[in-house]
């Protein structure tokens, strides 16, 4: 009995302590001062901006392409035989001038053919002299016969030995042609460069026997290089007079600039638009524009352009009114620009003329000096309030 009474007493004491704690907490809460209520400031986004500038002069057209030779030919001998001599410059990377000897073919057989043809011509000349003399004698004899006999018939060609004379002349012409052919073949045993350039490939050596027409090397012209740039038709339309350009017409050149990086340096070469290709690429649906680089291999202060090298090209396009150069980051989706006027967003639709790495050329109702949003905002509506670098946050 006494243990039960002790347990009941403990429970009552614990409940009393809990009730007292709760009452004390409620008293403290009721006596605490109420927190000061503050109205939250408006959430106006802070944006980064840059200013648009009016673009003066031509709109640039950017592209890229692979360097190729302006002219490239296969080197081959027109006669066959054993190679007797090869020029030291006739090797890959060698530079040659126009008319410079590249290699020789053993000409002994060809010299013998010339001597044989000379002998045949000499014999035919003697035969022609005999035929002319005999024809002259025949004509004199007929005149004496006709003077002694009235009413003599006209002589036949055979009587005057005209067919024999014509045959002797034809035989001489034939042997003279064979002599010219032998001399021509002899001259072709020396193979020369058709124009100044660089040897791109060669595959012969002294002692090798080659056949007529067998390619033994490749020569590329040193006077110029070309770059075929694929452009969409919208970019091609910015090149002035593109479809009127004719290869080699220096009076209608459209300036261009070719650049390439070598290590930590960038080099540039002056160029111009030479022509446009007449077919559209069936896969990319682009127009091929051919850029010509006159001093590709000998530009002062520059290394030579390398055939097969990938380079960047900038073409001087047409000059248009009301064109703006803006940061590339300011160009939004759907060809829009978000301008800031009086702290509010002004959505400006634009026509994109050209894009570069960090800039874009557009036409539209922009204003000079007006800030353009380049960052800090994912979406915008007309009239939306924003803060820029010139504003102080509240």
Protein backbone atom coordinates (compact mmCIF):
# COMPACT_ATOMS: atom_id res chain seq x y z
CA UNK A 1 0.00 0.00 0.00
CA UNK A 2 2.72 2.41 0.87
CA UNK A 3 4.57 1.75 -2.46
CA UNK A 4 1.43 2.46 -4.47
CA UNK A 5 0.88 5.74 -2.66
CA UNK A 6 4.50 6.72 -3.39
CA UNK A 7 4.09 6.09 -7.13
CA UNK A 8 0.92 8.16 -7.29
CA UNK A 9 2.63 10.97 -5.45
CA UNK A 10 5.54 10.95 -8.00
CA UNK A 11 3.20 11.09 -10.98
CA UNK A 12 1.30 14.00 -9.49
CA UNK A 13 4.54 15.86 -8.84
CA UNK A 14 5.75 15.32 -12.45
CA UNK A 15 2.47 16.59 -13.89
CA UNK A 16 2.66 19.62 -11.69
CA UNK A 17 6.15 20.42 -12.94
CA UNK A 18 5.09 20.10 -16.61
CA UNK A 19 2.02 22.24 -16.06
CA UNK A 20 4.11 24.88 -14.36
CA UNK A 21 6.65 24.91 -17.24
CA UNK A 22 3.94 25.33 -19.87
CA UNK A 23 2.34 28.15 -17.88
CA UNK A 24 5.69 29.91 -17.52
CA UNK A 25 6.38 29.60 -21.29
CA UNK A 26 2.99 31.03 -22.15
CA UNK A 27 3.60 33.90 -19.77
CA UNK A 28 6.96 34.72 -21.33
CA UNK A 29 5.54 34.61 -24.86
CA UNK A 30 2.68 36.91 -23.93
CA UNK A 31 5.07 39.40 -22.36
CA UNK A 32 7.56 39.41 -25.37
CA UNK A 33 7.40 42.47 -27.71
CA UNK A 34 5.93 41.89 -31.14
CA UNK A 35 8.53 41.86 -34.05
CA UNK A 36 8.60 44.93 -36.23
CA UNK A 37 6.96 44.19 -39.60
CA UNK A 38 8.80 45.40 -42.73
CA UNK A 39 7.57 45.43 -46.30
CA UNK A 40 9.92 43.51 -48.64
CA UNK A 41 11.54 45.58 -51.39
CA UNK A 42 10.43 44.93 -54.97
CA UNK A 43 12.52 42.22 -56.78
CA UNK A 44 13.92 44.17 -59.77
CA UNK A 45 16.55 42.16 -61.69
CA UNK A 46 20.03 43.56 -62.17
CA UNK A 47 21.30 43.14 -65.78
CA UNK A 48 24.56 43.58 -67.67
CA UNK A 49 24.47 45.88 -70.68
CA UNK A 50 26.61 47.08 -73.56
CA UNK A 51 25.96 49.85 -76.05
CA UNK A 52 25.19 49.39 -79.74
CA UNK A 53 27.26 51.37 -82.23
CA UNK A 54 26.30 52.48 -85.71
CA UNK A 55 28.20 50.39 -88.26
CA UNK A 56 29.84 52.53 -90.90
CA UNK A 57 31.30 51.04 -94.07
CA UNK A 58 30.84 47.59 -95.57
CA UNK A 59 29.22 44.73 -93.68
CA UNK A 60 31.83 41.96 -93.33
CA UNK A 61 31.15 38.44 -94.55
CA UNK A 62 32.90 35.70 -92.60
CA UNK A 63 33.79 32.24 -93.79
CA UNK A 64 36.47 29.59 -93.75
CA UNK A 65 37.95 27.11 -96.16
CA UNK A 66 40.92 25.00 -97.20
CA UNK A 67 43.84 26.38 -99.19
CA UNK A 68 44.29 24.85 -102.64
CA UNK A 69 46.60 25.69 -105.55
CA UNK A 70 45.35 28.12 -108.17
CA UNK A 71 46.96 25.84 -110.79
CA UNK A 72 48.18 22.28 -110.44
CA UNK A 73 49.47 19.97 -113.17
CA UNK A 74 50.83 16.46 -113.39
CA UNK A 75 54.40 16.33 -114.70
CA UNK A 76 54.87 13.67 -117.40
CA UNK A 77 57.27 13.17 -120.30
CA UNK A 78 55.82 13.06 -123.82
CA UNK A 79 58.37 10.41 -124.81
CA UNK A 80 59.55 7.29 -123.02
CA UNK A 81 62.98 6.05 -122.08
CA UNK A 82 65.55 5.83 -119.31
CA UNK A 83 65.99 8.81 -116.96
CA UNK A 84 69.55 10.05 -117.36
CA UNK A 85 69.47 13.13 -115.13
CA UNK A 86 67.19 14.66 -112.48
CA UNK A 87 67.44 18.30 -111.35
CA UNK A 88 68.19 18.80 -107.62
CA UNK A 89 65.06 20.96 -107.27
CA UNK A 90 62.80 18.23 -108.66
CA UNK A 91 61.78 16.88 -105.28
CA UNK A 92 58.89 17.46 -102.90
CA UNK A 93 58.96 21.08 -101.73
CA UNK A 94 61.43 22.21 -104.39
CA UNK A 95 60.86 25.57 -106.04
CA UNK A 96 61.33 25.89 -109.80
CA UNK A 97 61.05 28.73 -112.30
CA UNK A 98 59.19 28.72 -115.60
CA UNK A 99 61.15 26.80 -118.24
CA UNK A 100 63.58 25.31 -115.74
CA UNK A 101 64.77 21.78 -116.54
CA UNK A 102 63.28 19.11 -114.30
CA UNK A 103 64.78 15.89 -115.70
CA UNK A 104 66.25 14.38 -118.86
CA UNK A 105 65.63 11.15 -120.76
CA UNK A 106 68.52 9.35 -122.46
CA UNK A 107 68.43 10.85 -125.98
CA UNK A 108 70.76 8.47 -127.87
CA UNK A 109 67.91 6.66 -129.66
CA UNK A 110 66.25 9.94 -130.53
CA UNK A 111 69.47 11.40 -131.97
CA UNK A 112 69.84 8.35 -134.18
CA UNK A 113 66.30 8.84 -135.44
CA UNK A 114 67.11 12.44 -136.32
CA UNK A 115 70.25 11.39 -138.24
CA UNK A 116 68.30 8.71 -140.10
CA UNK A 117 65.59 11.20 -140.97
CA UNK A 118 68.23 13.69 -142.18
CA UNK A 119 69.67 11.05 -144.50
CA UNK A 120 66.22 10.26 -145.89
CA UNK A 121 65.56 13.94 -146.54
CA UNK A 122 68.89 14.31 -148.35
CA UNK A 123 68.07 11.33 -150.56
CA UNK A 124 64.62 12.72 -151.33
CA UNK A 125 66.10 16.10 -152.23
CA UNK A 126 68.34 14.39 -154.79
CA UNK A 127 65.38 12.43 -156.11
CA UNK A 128 63.38 15.66 -156.43
CA UNK A 129 66.21 17.33 -158.35
CA UNK A 130 66.34 14.38 -160.74
CA UNK A 131 62.57 14.47 -161.18
CA UNK A 132 62.64 18.23 -161.85
CA UNK A 133 65.45 17.80 -164.39
CA UNK A 134 63.67 14.97 -166.15
CA UNK A 135 60.45 16.95 -166.24
CA UNK A 136 62.32 19.89 -167.76
CA UNK A 137 63.90 17.67 -170.42
CA UNK A 138 60.49 16.16 -171.23
CA UNK A 139 58.96 19.62 -171.66
CA UNK A 140 61.80 20.71 -174.00
CA UNK A 141 61.48 17.58 -176.13
CA UNK A 142 57.76 18.08 -176.49
CA UNK A 143 58.24 21.71 -177.56
CA UNK A 144 60.72 20.62 -180.26
CA UNK A 145 58.28 17.94 -181.43
CA UNK A 146 55.38 20.42 -181.56
CA UNK A 147 57.43 22.97 -183.51
CA UNK A 148 58.08 20.39 -186.27
CA UNK A 149 54.52 19.08 -186.53
CA UNK A 150 51.46 21.25 -186.95
CA UNK A 151 48.33 20.26 -185.06
CA UNK A 152 50.14 18.21 -182.47
CA UNK A 153 47.87 17.28 -179.55
CA UNK A 154 48.34 18.78 -176.09
CA UNK A 155 50.77 16.74 -174.02
CA UNK A 156 49.50 14.44 -171.29
CA UNK A 157 50.77 14.85 -167.71
CA UNK A 158 52.72 11.66 -168.07
CA UNK A 159 54.46 13.03 -171.18
CA UNK A 160 55.66 16.01 -169.16
CA UNK A 161 56.45 13.73 -166.17
CA UNK A 162 54.26 15.82 -163.87
CA UNK A 163 53.02 12.87 -161.71
CA UNK A 164 56.61 11.75 -161.16
CA UNK A 165 57.55 15.29 -160.11
CA UNK A 166 54.60 15.52 -157.72
CA UNK A 167 55.45 12.14 -156.24
CA UNK A 168 59.06 13.25 -155.64
CA UNK A 169 57.89 16.42 -153.92
CA UNK A 170 55.38 14.49 -151.77
CA UNK A 171 58.09 12.03 -150.75
CA UNK A 172 60.35 14.90 -149.73
CA UNK A 173 57.54 16.55 -147.73
CA UNK A 174 56.86 13.24 -145.98
CA UNK A 175 60.50 12.73 -145.01
CA UNK A 176 60.83 16.35 -143.90
CA UNK A 177 57.79 15.82 -141.65
CA UNK A 178 59.44 12.69 -140.23
CA UNK A 179 62.60 14.73 -139.62
CA UNK A 180 60.58 17.41 -137.79
CA UNK A 181 58.86 14.69 -135.76
CA UNK A 182 62.23 13.13 -134.83
CA UNK A 183 63.61 16.52 -133.82
CA UNK A 184 60.48 17.22 -131.76
CA UNK A 185 60.82 13.88 -129.97
CA UNK A 186 64.49 14.67 -129.31
CA UNK A 187 63.57 18.05 -127.80
CA UNK A 188 61.03 16.33 -125.56
CA UNK A 189 63.72 14.28 -123.87
CA UNK A 190 64.31 17.39 -121.75
CA UNK A 191 61.27 18.02 -119.49
CA UNK A 192 60.88 21.59 -118.20
CA UNK A 193 58.49 23.35 -115.81
CA UNK A 194 55.53 24.93 -117.66
CA UNK A 195 55.31 27.70 -115.04
CA UNK A 196 56.99 28.84 -111.84
CA UNK A 197 55.91 26.87 -108.82
CA UNK A 198 56.62 24.26 -106.19
CA UNK A 199 57.00 20.52 -106.59
CA UNK A 200 54.26 18.91 -104.53
CA UNK A 201 55.15 15.30 -105.34
CA UNK A 202 57.77 13.40 -107.38
CA UNK A 203 58.41 9.72 -107.99
CA UNK A 204 61.44 9.26 -110.27
CA UNK A 205 65.19 8.87 -110.01
CA UNK A 206 68.09 8.53 -112.41
CA UNK A 207 68.18 5.16 -114.17
CA UNK A 208 64.42 4.62 -113.98
CA UNK A 209 62.61 3.77 -117.22
CA UNK A 210 59.34 5.58 -117.81
CA UNK A 211 56.69 5.41 -120.52
CA UNK A 212 55.33 8.35 -122.48
CA UNK A 213 52.58 10.13 -120.57
CA UNK A 214 53.41 8.46 -117.25
CA UNK A 215 52.90 10.97 -114.35
CA UNK A 216 56.07 11.36 -112.30
CA UNK A 217 55.30 14.44 -110.21
CA UNK A 218 52.94 17.31 -109.42
CA UNK A 219 53.65 21.02 -109.84
CA UNK A 220 51.60 23.78 -108.20
CA UNK A 221 51.75 27.41 -109.33
CA UNK A 222 53.63 29.87 -107.13
CA UNK A 223 51.76 32.98 -108.26
CA UNK A 224 48.56 32.46 -106.25
CA UNK A 225 46.45 30.17 -104.10
CA UNK A 226 42.70 29.75 -103.83
CA UNK A 227 40.23 29.10 -101.03
CA UNK A 228 36.72 27.83 -101.72
CA UNK A 229 34.43 29.26 -99.03
CA UNK A 230 30.94 27.80 -98.58
CA UNK A 231 28.43 30.52 -97.73
CA UNK A 232 24.67 30.50 -97.23
CA UNK A 233 22.84 32.48 -99.87
CA UNK A 234 22.06 35.23 -97.33
CA UNK A 235 25.78 35.84 -96.83
CA UNK A 236 26.57 35.50 -100.52
CA UNK A 237 24.01 38.23 -101.21
CA UNK A 238 26.13 40.66 -99.14
CA UNK A 239 29.09 40.38 -101.56
CA UNK A 240 28.78 43.23 -104.07
CA UNK A 241 28.43 42.15 -107.71
CA UNK A 242 29.26 38.52 -106.91
CA UNK A 243 27.58 37.04 -109.96
CA UNK A 244 29.18 39.58 -112.31
CA UNK A 245 32.74 38.72 -111.24
CA UNK A 246 34.93 37.10 -113.89
CA UNK A 247 38.20 35.26 -113.21
CA UNK A 248 41.19 37.47 -113.92
CA UNK A 249 39.14 40.68 -114.13
CA UNK A 250 41.17 42.99 -111.88
CA UNK A 251 38.80 45.92 -112.41
CA UNK A 252 36.01 44.36 -110.29
CA UNK A 253 37.88 42.95 -107.31
CA UNK A 254 36.08 42.58 -103.97
CA UNK A 255 38.69 42.84 -101.18
CA UNK A 256 39.09 40.02 -98.68
CA UNK A 257 41.42 39.02 -95.87
CA UNK A 258 42.75 35.54 -95.12
CA UNK A 259 44.12 34.71 -91.66
CA UNK A 260 45.70 31.67 -90.07
CA UNK A 261 47.30 30.90 -86.72
CA UNK A 262 50.80 29.47 -86.44
CA UNK A 263 51.67 28.69 -82.87
CA UNK A 264 50.89 31.75 -80.75
CA UNK A 265 50.87 34.17 -83.69
CA UNK A 266 48.26 35.04 -86.28
CA UNK A 267 49.19 35.96 -89.85
CA UNK A 268 47.09 37.66 -92.50
CA UNK A 269 47.23 37.75 -96.30
CA UNK A 270 45.53 40.18 -98.67
CA UNK A 271 43.08 38.51 -101.04
CA UNK A 272 40.04 39.17 -103.20
CA UNK A 273 36.91 37.40 -104.40
CA UNK A 274 37.74 35.86 -107.75
CA UNK A 275 34.45 34.22 -108.70
CA UNK A 276 31.44 32.24 -107.52
CA UNK A 277 30.85 28.63 -108.42
CA UNK A 278 27.76 27.98 -110.49
CA UNK A 279 26.42 25.02 -108.52
CA UNK A 280 24.94 24.75 -105.03
CA UNK A 281 26.38 22.09 -102.76
CA UNK A 282 23.67 19.42 -102.66
CA UNK A 283 24.44 18.46 -99.05
CA UNK A 284 24.94 21.82 -97.34
CA UNK A 285 22.88 23.92 -99.80
CA UNK A 286 25.59 26.59 -99.76
CA UNK A 287 27.20 28.66 -102.48
CA UNK A 288 30.91 28.21 -103.22
CA UNK A 289 32.81 31.52 -103.35
CA UNK A 290 36.42 31.31 -104.55
CA UNK A 291 38.93 33.59 -102.81
CA UNK A 292 42.23 34.24 -104.58
CA UNK A 293 45.40 35.05 -102.61
CA UNK A 294 47.99 36.58 -105.00
CA UNK A 295 50.99 36.49 -102.63
CA UNK A 296 50.11 33.26 -100.89
CA UNK A 297 53.61 31.82 -101.06
CA UNK A 298 55.74 34.98 -101.01
CA UNK A 299 54.07 37.60 -98.81
CA UNK A 300 56.60 39.96 -97.14
CA UNK A 301 56.81 39.27 -93.42
CA UNK A 302 54.53 36.25 -93.62
CA UNK A 303 55.21 32.55 -93.93
CA UNK A 304 53.71 30.90 -97.02
CA UNK A 305 50.19 29.57 -96.96
CA UNK A 306 50.20 25.79 -96.88
CA UNK A 307 48.16 23.78 -99.35
CA UNK A 308 45.49 21.94 -97.40
CA UNK A 309 45.60 24.42 -94.49
CA UNK A 310 42.28 25.51 -92.97
CA UNK A 311 42.04 29.32 -92.79
CA UNK A 312 39.56 32.04 -91.86
CA UNK A 313 38.29 34.49 -94.47
CA UNK A 314 36.76 37.94 -94.07
CA UNK A 315 35.17 39.48 -97.18
CA UNK A 316 34.31 43.16 -97.58
CA UNK A 317 30.55 43.11 -98.16
CA UNK A 318 28.13 45.79 -99.24
CA UNK A 319 27.61 49.05 -97.34
CA UNK A 320 24.02 49.33 -96.06
CA UNK A 321 22.19 52.17 -94.26
CA UNK A 322 20.93 51.86 -90.68
CA UNK A 323 23.17 48.99 -89.68
CA UNK A 324 24.24 48.47 -86.06
CA UNK A 325 27.15 46.53 -84.63
CA UNK A 326 26.04 44.93 -81.37
CA UNK A 327 27.59 42.44 -78.94
CA UNK A 328 26.79 38.87 -79.93
CA UNK A 329 25.43 38.27 -76.42
CA UNK A 330 22.80 40.99 -76.94
CA UNK A 331 21.14 39.01 -79.72
CA UNK A 332 18.23 37.06 -78.26
CA UNK A 333 16.09 34.28 -79.62
CA UNK A 334 13.69 35.03 -82.46
CA UNK A 335 16.06 37.78 -83.67
CA UNK A 336 15.24 40.18 -80.86
CA UNK A 337 17.28 42.69 -78.90
CA UNK A 338 16.36 43.79 -75.36
CA UNK A 339 17.13 47.48 -75.00
CA UNK A 340 16.81 49.48 -71.79
CA UNK A 341 14.99 52.81 -71.98
CA UNK A 342 14.32 54.72 -68.73
CA UNK A 343 14.89 51.63 -66.59
CA UNK A 344 12.43 49.53 -68.59
CA UNK A 345 12.91 46.83 -71.19
CA UNK A 346 12.19 47.70 -74.80
CA UNK A 347 11.98 44.62 -77.08
CA UNK A 348 13.32 45.46 -80.53
CA UNK A 349 12.95 43.04 -83.47
CA UNK A 350 15.99 43.14 -85.76
CA UNK A 351 17.21 41.61 -89.00
CA UNK A 352 20.49 39.78 -88.51
CA UNK A 353 22.89 40.50 -91.37
CA UNK A 354 26.05 38.85 -90.07
CA UNK A 355 27.46 37.11 -87.01
CA UNK A 356 31.04 36.93 -85.79
CA UNK A 357 32.66 35.47 -82.69
CA UNK A 358 31.85 38.43 -80.43
CA UNK A 359 29.67 40.73 -82.53
CA UNK A 360 26.65 40.79 -84.80
CA UNK A 361 25.55 43.23 -87.50
CA UNK A 362 21.83 43.95 -87.48
CA UNK A 363 19.34 46.39 -88.90
CA UNK A 364 16.37 47.62 -86.89
CA UNK A 365 14.93 50.54 -84.90
CA UNK A 366 17.76 50.83 -82.39
CA UNK A 367 18.98 54.12 -80.90
CA UNK A 368 22.51 55.36 -80.61
CA UNK A 369 23.91 54.99 -77.08
CA UNK A 370 20.97 52.88 -75.93
CA UNK A 371 22.05 50.08 -73.51
CA UNK A 372 21.44 46.52 -74.71
CA UNK A 373 21.00 43.65 -72.25
CA UNK A 374 23.79 41.09 -72.57
CA UNK A 375 23.27 39.07 -69.37
CA UNK A 376 21.43 38.68 -66.07
CA UNK A 377 17.97 38.11 -67.54
CA UNK A 378 16.47 34.85 -68.78
CA UNK A 379 13.24 36.28 -70.18
CA UNK A 380 11.73 39.70 -70.65
CA UNK A 381 8.44 41.41 -71.42
CA UNK A 382 7.84 44.84 -72.84
CA UNK A 383 8.10 47.51 -70.13
CA UNK A 384 9.68 45.24 -67.54
CA UNK A 385 11.72 47.18 -64.94
CA UNK A 386 15.45 46.36 -64.71
CA UNK A 387 18.51 47.77 -63.03
CA UNK A 388 21.72 48.43 -64.94
CA UNK A 389 25.27 49.27 -63.91
CA UNK A 390 24.41 52.97 -63.81
CA UNK A 391 21.56 52.44 -61.31
CA UNK A 392 21.87 52.12 -57.50
CA UNK A 393 20.07 49.10 -56.05
CA UNK A 394 17.39 50.05 -53.48
